[in-house]
Each structure stands twice: as structure tokens, then as C-alpha cells.
């Protein structure tokens, strides 16, 4: 399955029914941050209708997708992007994520029966790491704005290989060699074919669990990449790959340098010099 589906840990048999991106997304900045919310809807609501209504109240919305769980309960996953400096505009200079959380809570006031079922956050470094997990050269993403890194992960949800999306980014075509109505934009190309019903999950694809075990693929990183992360982000990464970080008094969790050393020695992160 795709990166976003795995991170959200949908139950088996969950289905995506709709997907969207905003063509008029806010002007990108170098320090954009991303926040995603999984919204669970009441059984009697339509995920496509409610996603349109919900996102109309979210100025930072850049895209998302909607669907149903195996029991028929609808859900919506919404992605927002804003500059890291946005928090300063509302008197919270160190809480840029609060701006987007507050926007979501305000929007949900129009649907009292819906509730937040999960949250994910990224910055540029973490998004590039997501591409690196697929074995892609993250140096090829240097000039991608954060919003395009997000669109790439959304396009992957349409059952298009992320490597093909990256390869087609420069030429603006996701399907070279295939006769199609090319839009000149790699992401729009994918979403257009998906909306026409021309893309579907490969028969061999199976739902993947995001939990790491002995058979999981190793995540290739560089020390320089880890050093760009804050101490909190490093601890979150450690938790995600199964390392215990609760012993906060331990020296190895106090300094960023020692935490990076532990991460690179744990067996799931492989350092590339």
C-alpha cells in the first residue's frame, strides 16, 4: 500500500472513494509544515459531500482523500500546509501547527457529529524521508516545494508508483509512452486518470501494516538528514521504529547527538555517508 495509507493504519478492506488537490494552494515557502487529520463521519453522511463542505472552511487545505471503512462508516483525510512562521501571526511563534489545528476545530463546528480520529505532521525533511523509504534519491527532490512533496504522496494513493511520479516531475507527465490526454503536470495527470477510472490497485497488492518487524525494509538515511530534525522529531522517529524513549533521564535521550547515534545503530536506519 501507499505511504499515507500505511501511516494512517487503516483497517483491512478500507476503501478510498475520492481524492482532491487545490490548484490555488498558498504560495509555498522554504519552511512550510504539513498537518493531516483523519476525520471520522457519521454513518449516514457521504464522504465526498462532507469533504467538499469541510475543506471550504480550511484556508490552508491543499488536498486529501475520502472513503469508507469495511463497516461502511465514512472517513475523510485532509492535508493542510502553512509556513512555520504562521504561529507568530496569532501570538504563538512556536506553535505553527496550532494554526492548522484551530482551523480544523473551527471547521468541525459545522458538523458536530464528526470527530478527529488521527493526526500526522511533517516538515520538508520528514517528507523527503518518506520518499527515501521507497529507495528514491532524495537529492532529486531538492527543488520540490513542500506542497508538491505532499501532492506526490497523494498521487501515490491513486496506485501510481512513487518512482514514476518523481521521474515525470520535470517533464510534467506521469505516463510517458502511454497515449493519454496529458495535462502537462505530473500530479494532475495522475488525478485525471484516476477520476476517469483508468487506475486501480494491482491484483497482487496487499494491505501492509506500518509496524516494523524483523522482515521490514531498512530506512536509508544520512547523519546530515537526521541532524536537521529537532529533538522532539528525533524522539518521534525513534518511537515510530520501535525504540523506547520513555526513560527521559537516560543520557542517550538527553542530547540530540547521542539520540542520532542510537538511531543509526538500531538496525532499521542505515547510515549512508
Protein backbone atom coordinates (compact mmCIF):
# COMPACT_ATOMS: atom_id res chain seq x y z
CA UNK A 1 0.00 0.00 0.00
CA UNK A 2 0.95 3.66 -0.13
CA UNK A 3 2.89 5.72 2.40
CA UNK A 4 -0.16 7.66 3.62
CA UNK A 5 -2.34 4.58 3.91
CA UNK A 6 0.33 2.81 5.93
CA UNK A 7 0.89 5.78 8.24
CA UNK A 8 -2.84 6.07 8.90
CA UNK A 9 -3.05 2.33 9.61
CA UNK A 10 -6.46 1.86 8.03
CA UNK A 11 -8.15 -1.44 8.90
CA UNK A 12 -8.13 -4.03 6.08
CA UNK A 13 -10.85 -3.59 3.45
CA UNK A 14 -10.97 0.21 3.89
CA UNK A 15 -11.60 1.84 0.52
CA UNK A 16 -10.77 5.22 -0.97
CA UNK A 17 -13.67 6.77 -2.89
CA UNK A 18 -12.49 10.29 -3.72
CA UNK A 19 -9.31 12.36 -3.88
CA UNK A 20 -8.64 16.05 -4.48
CA UNK A 21 -5.96 18.74 -4.57
CA UNK A 22 -6.23 22.53 -4.62
CA UNK A 23 -4.78 24.21 -7.66
CA UNK A 24 -4.79 27.56 -5.85
CA UNK A 25 -2.79 26.39 -2.82
CA UNK A 26 -0.99 29.14 -0.84
CA UNK A 27 2.36 30.35 -2.18
CA UNK A 28 4.98 27.86 -0.95
CA UNK A 29 7.79 28.84 1.42
CA UNK A 30 11.02 27.04 2.31
CA UNK A 31 9.85 26.20 5.83
CA UNK A 32 6.30 25.03 5.16
CA UNK A 33 4.92 22.45 7.57
CA UNK A 34 2.17 19.92 6.94
CA UNK A 35 -0.65 18.68 9.12
CA UNK A 36 -3.03 15.87 8.22
CA UNK A 37 -6.26 15.00 10.03
CA UNK A 38 -8.27 11.82 9.68
CA UNK A 39 -11.92 12.69 10.27
CA UNK A 40 -14.49 10.02 11.05
CA UNK A 41 -18.00 10.84 9.86
CA UNK A 42 -21.41 9.56 10.99
CA UNK A 43 -22.73 6.52 9.14
CA UNK A 44 -25.43 8.49 7.32
CA UNK A 45 -23.09 11.10 5.79
CA UNK A 46 -21.43 10.99 2.38
CA UNK A 47 -17.63 11.32 2.48
CA UNK A 48 -17.39 13.18 -0.85
CA UNK A 49 -20.06 15.72 0.07
CA UNK A 50 -18.69 16.29 3.56
CA UNK A 51 -15.07 16.63 2.38
CA UNK A 52 -16.12 19.41 -0.01
CA UNK A 53 -18.01 21.20 2.74
CA UNK A 54 -15.28 20.74 5.36
CA UNK A 55 -12.39 21.93 3.20
CA UNK A 56 -14.31 25.00 2.09
CA UNK A 57 -13.71 26.28 5.63
CA UNK A 58 -9.98 25.46 5.67
CA UNK A 59 -7.79 28.17 4.11
CA UNK A 60 -4.65 26.01 4.38
CA UNK A 61 -6.17 22.93 2.75
CA UNK A 62 -4.06 21.58 -0.13
CA UNK A 63 -5.69 18.20 -0.72
CA UNK A 64 -6.82 14.93 0.73
CA UNK A 65 -8.89 11.85 0.09
CA UNK A 66 -12.04 10.24 1.41
CA UNK A 67 -13.54 6.79 1.66
CA UNK A 68 -15.25 4.22 3.84
CA UNK A 69 -14.17 1.65 6.40
CA UNK A 70 -15.07 -2.01 5.96
CA UNK A 71 -18.18 -1.47 8.09
CA UNK A 72 -19.36 1.30 5.75
CA UNK A 73 -18.52 4.18 8.11
CA UNK A 74 -17.22 7.13 6.03
CA UNK A 75 -13.95 8.98 6.68
CA UNK A 76 -12.04 11.97 5.28
CA UNK A 77 -8.30 12.65 5.42
CA UNK A 78 -7.43 16.35 5.00
CA UNK A 79 -3.97 17.83 4.48
CA UNK A 80 -3.08 21.42 5.33
CA UNK A 81 0.15 23.31 4.64
CA UNK A 82 1.28 26.61 6.16
CA UNK A 83 4.57 28.46 6.82
CA UNK A 84 6.33 27.68 10.08
CA UNK A 85 6.17 31.40 10.87
CA UNK A 86 2.36 31.40 10.80
CA UNK A 87 2.20 30.89 14.56
CA UNK A 88 3.77 34.29 15.17
CA UNK A 89 0.81 35.94 13.43
CA UNK A 90 -1.52 34.73 16.18
CA UNK A 91 0.84 35.23 19.09
CA UNK A 92 2.09 31.64 19.14
CA UNK A 93 5.53 31.84 17.49
CA UNK A 94 6.49 28.27 18.38
CA UNK A 95 3.14 26.68 17.59
CA UNK A 96 2.59 26.83 13.85
CA UNK A 97 0.71 23.53 13.97
CA UNK A 98 -1.79 25.17 16.32
CA UNK A 99 -2.92 27.45 13.47
CA UNK A 100 -3.98 24.48 11.36
CA UNK A 101 -5.41 22.54 14.31
CA UNK A 102 -7.51 25.55 15.26
CA UNK A 103 -8.73 25.89 11.66
CA UNK A 104 -9.83 22.25 11.68
CA UNK A 105 -11.61 22.53 15.03
CA UNK A 106 -13.43 25.62 13.80
CA UNK A 107 -14.50 23.86 10.60
CA UNK A 108 -15.80 20.85 12.54
CA UNK A 109 -18.20 23.12 14.43
CA UNK A 110 -20.34 22.93 11.30
CA UNK A 111 -20.53 19.15 11.66
CA UNK A 112 -21.00 18.30 15.35
CA UNK A 113 -21.24 14.56 14.67
CA UNK A 114 -17.81 14.29 13.03
CA UNK A 115 -14.64 13.89 15.07
CA UNK A 116 -10.86 13.72 14.61
CA UNK A 117 -9.69 10.10 14.54
CA UNK A 118 -5.97 10.73 13.97
CA UNK A 119 -3.29 13.31 13.18
CA UNK A 120 0.01 13.28 11.26
CA UNK A 121 2.58 16.06 10.85
CA UNK A 122 5.60 16.56 8.59
CA UNK A 123 8.20 19.13 7.62
CA UNK A 124 10.31 19.08 4.45
CA UNK A 125 12.87 16.70 5.95
CA UNK A 126 10.30 14.16 7.08
CA UNK A 127 8.54 14.28 3.71
CA UNK A 128 11.81 13.62 1.92
CA UNK A 129 12.45 10.72 4.28
CA UNK A 130 9.09 9.28 3.20
CA UNK A 131 10.32 9.25 -0.39
CA UNK A 132 13.64 7.81 0.76
CA UNK A 133 11.80 4.84 2.28
CA UNK A 134 10.86 3.90 -1.28
CA UNK A 135 14.53 3.81 -2.24
CA UNK A 136 14.31 7.11 -4.13
CA UNK A 137 17.18 9.57 -4.33
CA UNK A 138 16.08 12.43 -2.09
CA UNK A 139 18.58 14.76 -3.78
CA UNK A 140 16.21 14.74 -6.76
CA UNK A 141 13.62 16.42 -4.53
CA UNK A 142 15.78 19.39 -3.51
CA UNK A 143 13.82 21.90 -5.61
CA UNK A 144 10.39 20.48 -4.86
CA UNK A 145 8.26 22.80 -2.70
CA UNK A 146 6.65 21.13 0.29
CA UNK A 147 3.21 21.30 -1.30
CA UNK A 148 4.47 19.24 -4.27
CA UNK A 149 6.01 16.66 -1.93
CA UNK A 150 2.53 16.37 -0.41
CA UNK A 151 0.87 16.11 -3.82
CA UNK A 152 3.28 13.33 -4.74
CA UNK A 153 2.21 11.24 -1.75
CA UNK A 154 -1.44 11.93 -2.61
CA UNK A 155 -0.88 10.89 -6.22
CA UNK A 156 0.68 7.64 -4.99
CA UNK A 157 -2.69 6.85 -3.39
CA UNK A 158 -4.08 6.56 -6.93
CA UNK A 159 -1.98 3.38 -7.39
CA UNK A 160 0.84 5.04 -9.30
CA UNK A 161 4.39 4.13 -8.34
CA UNK A 162 6.08 6.99 -6.48
CA UNK A 163 9.23 6.46 -8.56
CA UNK A 164 7.21 7.16 -11.74
CA UNK A 165 5.82 10.35 -10.21
CA UNK A 166 9.32 11.61 -9.33
CA UNK A 167 10.65 10.63 -12.76
CA UNK A 168 7.85 12.51 -14.51
CA UNK A 169 8.02 15.65 -12.39
CA UNK A 170 10.45 17.55 -14.61
CA UNK A 171 8.63 16.82 -17.90
CA UNK A 172 5.16 17.22 -16.39
CA UNK A 173 3.97 13.79 -17.48
CA UNK A 174 3.25 10.80 -15.26
CA UNK A 175 2.71 8.33 -18.10
CA UNK A 176 5.38 8.76 -20.80
CA UNK A 177 4.93 6.33 -23.65
CA UNK A 178 1.23 5.91 -22.91
CA UNK A 179 -1.32 7.60 -25.14
CA UNK A 180 -3.40 9.85 -22.90
CA UNK A 181 -4.69 13.40 -22.58
CA UNK A 182 -1.55 14.79 -20.93
CA UNK A 183 -2.15 17.86 -18.76
CA UNK A 184 1.49 18.98 -18.56
CA UNK A 185 1.50 18.49 -14.78
CA UNK A 186 2.57 15.14 -13.31
CA UNK A 187 0.10 15.31 -10.42
CA UNK A 188 -2.90 16.46 -12.46
CA UNK A 189 -2.09 13.68 -14.93
CA UNK A 190 -2.49 11.10 -12.17
CA UNK A 191 -5.64 12.57 -10.62
CA UNK A 192 -7.29 12.95 -14.03
CA UNK A 193 -6.76 9.30 -14.96
CA UNK A 194 -7.91 8.18 -11.51
CA UNK A 195 -11.13 10.21 -11.81
CA UNK A 196 -11.78 8.55 -15.17
CA UNK A 197 -11.48 5.11 -13.60
CA UNK A 198 -8.32 4.26 -15.52
CA UNK A 199 -6.20 3.48 -12.44
CA UNK A 200 -6.80 0.68 -9.97
CA UNK A 201 -4.99 -1.31 -7.31
CA UNK A 202 -2.79 -4.10 -8.74
CA UNK A 203 -4.26 -7.54 -8.08
CA UNK A 204 -1.08 -8.57 -6.26
CA UNK A 205 -1.20 -5.63 -3.84
CA UNK A 206 -1.96 -6.41 -0.22
CA UNK A 207 -2.62 -4.24 2.78
CA UNK A 208 0.59 -3.54 4.66
CA UNK A 209 0.97 -2.97 8.39
CA UNK A 210 3.07 0.05 9.30
CA UNK A 211 4.58 -1.66 12.34
CA UNK A 212 8.24 -2.58 11.98
CA UNK A 213 9.37 -6.19 12.47
CA UNK A 214 12.33 -8.31 11.51
CA UNK A 215 11.22 -8.52 7.89
CA UNK A 216 10.72 -4.76 7.40
CA UNK A 217 12.85 -2.93 4.87
CA UNK A 218 15.57 -0.75 6.27
CA UNK A 219 15.27 3.03 6.04
CA UNK A 220 18.33 4.58 4.42
CA UNK A 221 19.28 7.99 5.81
CA UNK A 222 22.29 10.23 6.25
CA UNK A 223 23.55 11.67 9.51
CA UNK A 224 23.17 15.11 7.95
CA UNK A 225 19.49 14.42 7.34
CA UNK A 226 18.88 13.42 10.95
CA UNK A 227 20.74 16.47 12.22
CA UNK A 228 18.15 18.73 10.57
CA UNK A 229 15.44 17.29 12.85
CA UNK A 230 14.54 18.76 16.22
CA UNK A 231 14.97 16.72 19.39
CA UNK A 232 11.20 16.14 19.51
CA UNK A 233 11.16 14.90 15.90
CA UNK A 234 14.07 12.55 16.60
CA UNK A 235 12.23 11.09 19.57
CA UNK A 236 9.11 10.66 17.42
CA UNK A 237 11.17 8.84 14.79
CA UNK A 238 12.67 6.61 17.47
CA UNK A 239 9.19 5.77 18.75
CA UNK A 240 7.95 5.03 15.23
CA UNK A 241 10.66 2.44 14.59
CA UNK A 242 10.10 0.79 17.95
CA UNK A 243 12.77 2.29 20.21
CA UNK A 244 11.79 3.04 23.80
CA UNK A 245 12.26 6.70 24.71
CA UNK A 246 10.35 6.82 27.99
CA UNK A 247 13.46 6.79 30.16
CA UNK A 248 13.96 10.51 29.76
CA UNK A 249 16.68 10.67 32.42
CA UNK A 250 18.87 8.39 30.36
CA UNK A 251 21.81 10.25 28.82
CA UNK A 252 21.21 8.75 25.39
CA UNK A 253 17.86 10.56 25.15
CA UNK A 254 19.08 13.92 26.52
CA UNK A 255 21.27 15.17 23.69
CA UNK A 256 20.42 15.25 20.00
CA UNK A 257 23.87 13.89 19.10
CA UNK A 258 23.56 10.81 21.30
CA UNK A 259 19.98 10.23 20.11
CA UNK A 260 21.16 10.34 16.48
CA UNK A 261 23.91 7.83 17.33
CA UNK A 262 21.32 5.48 18.85
CA UNK A 263 19.03 5.81 15.84
CA UNK A 264 21.84 4.94 13.43
CA UNK A 265 22.78 1.83 15.42
CA UNK A 266 19.35 0.34 15.93
CA UNK A 267 19.19 -1.78 12.77
CA UNK A 268 16.30 -0.13 10.92
CA UNK A 269 18.08 3.09 9.96
CA UNK A 270 21.11 2.55 7.73
CA UNK A 271 23.55 5.43 7.50
CA UNK A 272 24.84 6.40 4.08
CA UNK A 273 27.96 8.57 4.04
